[in-house]
Amino acid sequence: MKIFIGAILTIFTLTSNAGSIGFGEVVAVKIYDLSSFKGVKIYLDSSATHTDEDCTENGRVYRRVSLGQQNEATTNRIVSLATAAYMAGKKLRLHSDANSCEIDFVALQESVF
């Protein structure tokens, strides 16, 4: 019985921390190769929803893909989709498994579902 309760609590904890971390139009895609940060930051417009104030920079909402957190192919696909959304003026939904600023899932869509 203890194992069963422990398993349910673990599943609940893992799923309750995950969620959408941004939904909005892309206003910038920046690639960094600094000593302090190596990765990509995707900035969303000021009307973005499903955001967390911890992930803002100069008043702009951003989310990131840190090199080493995702493999190179996944990082390239995320950057490609974000760039396409930026150029087309479309919205992205960003998701994090850990409910952090780190992107684990990207979707090009008009509404959150």
N, C-alpha and C. Protein backbone atom coordinates (compact mmCIF):
# COMPACT_ATOMS: atom_id res chain seq x y z
N MET A 1 0.82 -1.19 0.00
CA MET A 1 0.00 0.00 0.00
C MET A 1 0.86 1.26 0.00
N LYS A 2 1.96 1.25 0.75
CA LYS A 2 2.86 2.40 0.79
C LYS A 2 3.46 2.67 -0.58
N ILE A 3 3.80 1.60 -1.28
CA ILE A 3 4.37 1.76 -2.63
C ILE A 3 3.34 2.36 -3.56
N PHE A 4 2.11 1.90 -3.48
CA PHE A 4 1.03 2.43 -4.32
C PHE A 4 0.82 3.93 -4.07
N ILE A 5 0.76 4.34 -2.82
CA ILE A 5 0.58 5.75 -2.48
C ILE A 5 1.79 6.56 -2.94
N GLY A 6 2.97 6.00 -2.76
CA GLY A 6 4.19 6.68 -3.21
C GLY A 6 4.20 6.88 -4.72
N ALA A 7 3.75 5.86 -5.45
CA ALA A 7 3.70 5.96 -6.90
C ALA A 7 2.71 7.03 -7.35
N ILE A 8 1.56 7.08 -6.72
CA ILE A 8 0.54 8.09 -7.06
C ILE A 8 1.06 9.49 -6.75
N LEU A 9 1.71 9.67 -5.61
CA LEU A 9 2.27 10.98 -5.26
C LEU A 9 3.36 11.39 -6.25
N THR A 10 4.19 10.46 -6.67
CA THR A 10 5.23 10.76 -7.63
C THR A 10 4.64 11.19 -8.96
N ILE A 11 3.65 10.45 -9.44
CA ILE A 11 3.00 10.80 -10.71
C ILE A 11 2.34 12.17 -10.60
N PHE A 12 1.64 12.42 -9.50
CA PHE A 12 0.98 13.71 -9.31
C PHE A 12 2.00 14.84 -9.28
N THR A 13 3.12 14.64 -8.61
CA THR A 13 4.16 15.67 -8.53
C THR A 13 4.76 15.95 -9.89
N LEU A 14 5.03 14.92 -10.65
CA LEU A 14 5.63 15.10 -11.97
C LEU A 14 4.68 15.81 -12.92
N THR A 15 3.41 15.47 -12.89
CA THR A 15 2.47 16.08 -13.82
C THR A 15 2.02 17.45 -13.38
N SER A 16 2.02 17.74 -12.09
CA SER A 16 1.55 19.04 -11.63
C SER A 16 2.58 20.13 -11.87
N ASN A 17 3.85 19.78 -12.04
CA ASN A 17 4.88 20.77 -12.30
C ASN A 17 4.98 21.15 -13.77
N ALA A 18 4.43 20.36 -14.65
CA ALA A 18 4.54 20.61 -16.08
C ALA A 18 3.45 21.57 -16.53
N GLY A 19 3.74 22.32 -17.59
CA GLY A 19 2.69 23.18 -18.09
C GLY A 19 3.15 24.13 -19.18
N SER A 20 2.17 24.85 -19.71
CA SER A 20 2.46 25.87 -20.70
C SER A 20 3.24 26.99 -20.05
N ILE A 21 4.27 27.44 -20.71
CA ILE A 21 5.09 28.52 -20.17
C ILE A 21 5.08 29.74 -21.07
N GLY A 22 4.23 29.73 -22.07
CA GLY A 22 4.10 30.89 -22.93
C GLY A 22 3.26 30.60 -24.15
N PHE A 23 2.43 31.57 -24.51
CA PHE A 23 1.64 31.48 -25.73
C PHE A 23 1.51 32.89 -26.29
N GLY A 24 2.09 33.10 -27.46
CA GLY A 24 2.01 34.42 -28.05
C GLY A 24 2.82 34.51 -29.33
N GLU A 25 2.82 35.70 -29.88
CA GLU A 25 3.55 35.96 -31.11
C GLU A 25 5.03 36.14 -30.79
N VAL A 26 5.87 35.59 -31.63
CA VAL A 26 7.32 35.68 -31.45
C VAL A 26 7.80 37.04 -31.94
N VAL A 27 8.55 37.75 -31.08
CA VAL A 27 9.09 39.06 -31.47
C VAL A 27 10.60 39.01 -31.68
N ALA A 28 11.26 37.94 -31.23
CA ALA A 28 12.70 37.80 -31.45
C ALA A 28 13.14 36.36 -31.17
N VAL A 29 14.13 35.93 -31.92
CA VAL A 29 14.81 34.66 -31.69
C VAL A 29 16.29 34.99 -31.64
N LYS A 30 16.91 34.78 -30.48
CA LYS A 30 18.32 35.14 -30.30
C LYS A 30 19.14 33.91 -29.94
N ILE A 31 20.28 33.78 -30.60
CA ILE A 31 21.18 32.66 -30.36
C ILE A 31 22.41 33.20 -29.64
N TYR A 32 22.70 32.60 -28.48
CA TYR A 32 23.80 33.06 -27.63
C TYR A 32 24.93 32.05 -27.59
N ASP A 33 26.16 32.56 -27.59
CA ASP A 33 27.35 31.74 -27.37
C ASP A 33 28.27 32.50 -26.42
N LEU A 34 27.72 32.85 -25.27
CA LEU A 34 28.45 33.61 -24.26
C LEU A 34 29.02 32.66 -23.22
N SER A 35 29.96 33.13 -22.45
CA SER A 35 30.49 32.28 -21.38
C SER A 35 29.43 32.02 -20.32
N SER A 36 28.49 32.97 -20.14
CA SER A 36 27.45 32.82 -19.12
C SER A 36 26.21 32.05 -19.60
N PHE A 37 26.00 32.00 -20.91
CA PHE A 37 24.83 31.28 -21.46
C PHE A 37 25.10 30.87 -22.90
N LYS A 38 24.90 29.61 -23.17
CA LYS A 38 25.00 29.07 -24.52
C LYS A 38 23.65 28.45 -24.84
N GLY A 39 22.96 29.04 -25.80
CA GLY A 39 21.65 28.51 -26.16
C GLY A 39 20.85 29.52 -26.95
N VAL A 40 19.53 29.35 -26.91
CA VAL A 40 18.61 30.17 -27.69
C VAL A 40 17.57 30.75 -26.75
N LYS A 41 17.21 32.01 -26.98
CA LYS A 41 16.11 32.63 -26.25
C LYS A 41 15.06 33.04 -27.26
N ILE A 42 13.82 32.70 -26.97
CA ILE A 42 12.68 33.07 -27.81
C ILE A 42 11.87 34.08 -27.01
N TYR A 43 11.70 35.27 -27.58
CA TYR A 43 10.97 36.35 -26.92
C TYR A 43 9.56 36.43 -27.49
N LEU A 44 8.58 36.60 -26.60
CA LEU A 44 7.17 36.70 -27.00
C LEU A 44 6.68 38.13 -26.83
N ASP A 45 5.62 38.47 -27.57
CA ASP A 45 5.07 39.83 -27.50
C ASP A 45 4.47 40.11 -26.13
N SER A 46 4.20 41.38 -25.87
CA SER A 46 3.74 41.81 -24.54
C SER A 46 2.34 41.29 -24.20
N SER A 47 1.58 40.85 -25.19
CA SER A 47 0.24 40.32 -24.91
C SER A 47 0.25 38.79 -24.72
N ALA A 48 1.43 38.20 -24.61
CA ALA A 48 1.54 36.74 -24.44
C ALA A 48 0.86 36.29 -23.16
N THR A 49 0.28 35.11 -23.21
CA THR A 49 -0.39 34.52 -22.04
C THR A 49 0.38 33.30 -21.58
N HIS A 50 -0.06 32.72 -20.47
CA HIS A 50 0.56 31.53 -19.88
C HIS A 50 2.04 31.78 -19.60
N THR A 51 2.33 32.96 -19.07
CA THR A 51 3.72 33.32 -18.81
C THR A 51 4.01 33.38 -17.32
N ASP A 52 5.27 33.38 -17.00
CA ASP A 52 5.75 33.47 -15.64
C ASP A 52 6.69 34.67 -15.57
N GLU A 53 6.50 35.53 -14.60
CA GLU A 53 7.30 36.74 -14.51
C GLU A 53 8.77 36.46 -14.22
N ASP A 54 9.10 35.25 -13.79
CA ASP A 54 10.51 34.93 -13.54
C ASP A 54 11.32 34.90 -14.83
N CYS A 55 10.66 34.76 -15.94
CA CYS A 55 11.35 34.63 -17.22
C CYS A 55 11.15 35.89 -18.06
N THR A 56 11.57 37.02 -17.52
CA THR A 56 11.50 38.27 -18.25
C THR A 56 12.87 38.91 -18.27
N GLU A 57 13.10 39.70 -19.31
CA GLU A 57 14.36 40.39 -19.48
C GLU A 57 14.06 41.74 -20.10
N ASN A 58 14.37 42.80 -19.40
CA ASN A 58 14.07 44.15 -19.87
C ASN A 58 12.59 44.32 -20.22
N GLY A 59 11.73 43.72 -19.40
CA GLY A 59 10.29 43.83 -19.60
C GLY A 59 9.74 42.92 -20.68
N ARG A 60 10.55 42.10 -21.28
CA ARG A 60 10.11 41.17 -22.33
C ARG A 60 10.07 39.75 -21.80
N VAL A 61 9.02 39.03 -22.17
CA VAL A 61 8.89 37.62 -21.80
C VAL A 61 9.77 36.79 -22.73
N TYR A 62 10.56 35.90 -22.16
CA TYR A 62 11.37 35.01 -22.98
C TYR A 62 11.33 33.61 -22.39
N ARG A 63 11.65 32.67 -23.23
CA ARG A 63 11.87 31.29 -22.82
C ARG A 63 13.16 30.86 -23.50
N ARG A 64 13.79 29.80 -22.98
CA ARG A 64 15.11 29.45 -23.50
C ARG A 64 15.24 27.96 -23.80
N VAL A 65 16.22 27.68 -24.64
CA VAL A 65 16.68 26.33 -24.90
C VAL A 65 18.18 26.37 -24.63
N SER A 66 18.60 25.78 -23.53
CA SER A 66 20.01 25.76 -23.17
C SER A 66 20.69 24.60 -23.88
N LEU A 67 21.83 24.88 -24.52
CA LEU A 67 22.57 23.81 -25.15
C LEU A 67 22.99 22.82 -24.07
N GLY A 68 22.82 21.57 -24.33
CA GLY A 68 23.08 20.54 -23.34
C GLY A 68 21.80 20.03 -22.70
N GLN A 69 20.75 20.84 -22.66
CA GLN A 69 19.46 20.38 -22.14
C GLN A 69 18.71 19.58 -23.20
N GLN A 70 18.85 19.98 -24.44
CA GLN A 70 18.22 19.29 -25.58
C GLN A 70 19.34 18.85 -26.53
N ASN A 71 19.09 17.83 -27.32
CA ASN A 71 20.11 17.44 -28.29
C ASN A 71 20.10 18.45 -29.44
N GLU A 72 21.12 18.42 -30.25
CA GLU A 72 21.30 19.42 -31.31
C GLU A 72 20.14 19.40 -32.32
N ALA A 73 19.67 18.23 -32.68
CA ALA A 73 18.57 18.14 -33.66
C ALA A 73 17.29 18.77 -33.11
N THR A 74 16.98 18.52 -31.84
CA THR A 74 15.79 19.11 -31.22
C THR A 74 15.93 20.62 -31.14
N THR A 75 17.09 21.10 -30.73
CA THR A 75 17.34 22.54 -30.66
C THR A 75 17.15 23.18 -32.03
N ASN A 76 17.66 22.56 -33.08
CA ASN A 76 17.52 23.09 -34.43
C ASN A 76 16.06 23.14 -34.86
N ARG A 77 15.29 22.12 -34.51
CA ARG A 77 13.86 22.12 -34.87
C ARG A 77 13.10 23.22 -34.12
N ILE A 78 13.43 23.43 -32.86
CA ILE A 78 12.77 24.49 -32.08
C ILE A 78 13.10 25.85 -32.68
N VAL A 79 14.37 26.07 -33.01
CA VAL A 79 14.78 27.35 -33.61
C VAL A 79 14.11 27.54 -34.96
N SER A 80 14.02 26.51 -35.77
CA SER A 80 13.37 26.61 -37.08
C SER A 80 11.89 26.96 -36.95
N LEU A 81 11.20 26.31 -36.04
CA LEU A 81 9.78 26.59 -35.85
C LEU A 81 9.57 28.00 -35.30
N ALA A 82 10.40 28.42 -34.36
CA ALA A 82 10.29 29.77 -33.80
C ALA A 82 10.57 30.83 -34.86
N THR A 83 11.56 30.58 -35.70
CA THR A 83 11.89 31.53 -36.78
C THR A 83 10.76 31.60 -37.79
N ALA A 84 10.18 30.47 -38.14
CA ALA A 84 9.04 30.46 -39.07
C ALA A 84 7.86 31.22 -38.48
N ALA A 85 7.58 31.03 -37.20
CA ALA A 85 6.49 31.76 -36.54
C ALA A 85 6.77 33.25 -36.53
N TYR A 86 8.01 33.62 -36.27
CA TYR A 86 8.40 35.03 -36.26
C TYR A 86 8.18 35.67 -37.64
N MET A 87 8.64 35.00 -38.66
CA MET A 87 8.54 35.55 -40.02
C MET A 87 7.10 35.61 -40.51
N ALA A 88 6.26 34.69 -40.05
CA ALA A 88 4.86 34.64 -40.49
C ALA A 88 3.92 35.42 -39.57
N GLY A 89 4.43 35.90 -38.44
CA GLY A 89 3.58 36.61 -37.49
C GLY A 89 2.58 35.70 -36.80
N LYS A 90 2.95 34.44 -36.62
CA LYS A 90 2.07 33.45 -35.98
C LYS A 90 2.44 33.25 -34.51
N LYS A 91 1.55 32.59 -33.79
CA LYS A 91 1.76 32.35 -32.37
C LYS A 91 2.38 30.98 -32.11
N LEU A 92 3.19 30.93 -31.05
CA LEU A 92 3.77 29.69 -30.57
C LEU A 92 3.23 29.40 -29.18
N ARG A 93 3.06 28.11 -28.91
CA ARG A 93 2.79 27.68 -27.53
C ARG A 93 4.04 26.96 -27.06
N LEU A 94 4.56 27.40 -25.93
CA LEU A 94 5.78 26.82 -25.37
C LEU A 94 5.41 26.07 -24.09
N HIS A 95 6.04 24.94 -23.88
CA HIS A 95 5.73 24.06 -22.75
C HIS A 95 7.02 23.63 -22.07
N SER A 96 6.96 23.47 -20.76
CA SER A 96 8.10 22.97 -19.99
C SER A 96 7.66 21.81 -19.11
N ASP A 97 8.39 20.72 -19.15
CA ASP A 97 8.08 19.59 -18.27
C ASP A 97 8.36 19.94 -16.81
N ALA A 98 9.30 20.83 -16.57
CA ALA A 98 9.68 21.18 -15.19
C ALA A 98 9.07 22.51 -14.75
N ASN A 99 8.19 23.10 -15.56
CA ASN A 99 7.58 24.39 -15.26
C ASN A 99 8.65 25.45 -14.98
N SER A 100 9.67 25.48 -15.84
CA SER A 100 10.76 26.44 -15.73
C SER A 100 10.79 27.27 -17.01
N CYS A 101 11.81 28.06 -17.19
CA CYS A 101 11.95 28.85 -18.42
C CYS A 101 12.44 28.00 -19.59
N GLU A 102 12.83 26.77 -19.30
CA GLU A 102 13.41 25.87 -20.31
C GLU A 102 12.32 25.23 -21.17
N ILE A 103 12.44 25.35 -22.48
CA ILE A 103 11.45 24.83 -23.43
C ILE A 103 11.67 23.34 -23.67
N ASP A 104 10.60 22.55 -23.54
CA ASP A 104 10.63 21.13 -23.85
C ASP A 104 9.71 20.77 -25.01
N PHE A 105 8.78 21.66 -25.33
CA PHE A 105 7.79 21.40 -26.37
C PHE A 105 7.40 22.73 -27.01
N VAL A 106 7.28 22.73 -28.33
CA VAL A 106 6.87 23.94 -29.08
C VAL A 106 5.78 23.55 -30.05
N ALA A 107 4.75 24.38 -30.13
CA ALA A 107 3.67 24.14 -31.10
C ALA A 107 3.33 25.46 -31.79
N LEU A 108 3.15 25.39 -33.08
CA LEU A 108 2.68 26.52 -33.89
C LEU A 108 1.18 26.39 -33.97
N GLN A 109 0.44 27.25 -33.24
CA GLN A 109 -1.02 27.13 -33.18
C GLN A 109 -1.66 28.45 -32.86
N GLU A 110 -2.96 28.59 -33.18
CA GLU A 110 -3.69 29.83 -32.98
C GLU A 110 -4.36 29.95 -31.62
N SER A 111 -4.54 28.81 -30.92
CA SER A 111 -5.12 28.85 -29.59
C SER A 111 -4.50 27.73 -28.76
N VAL A 112 -4.66 27.84 -27.45
CA VAL A 112 -4.07 26.84 -26.54
C VAL A 112 -5.05 25.67 -26.39
N PHE A 113 -4.58 24.49 -26.68
CA PHE A 113 -5.37 23.27 -26.47
C PHE A 113 -4.45 22.10 -26.25
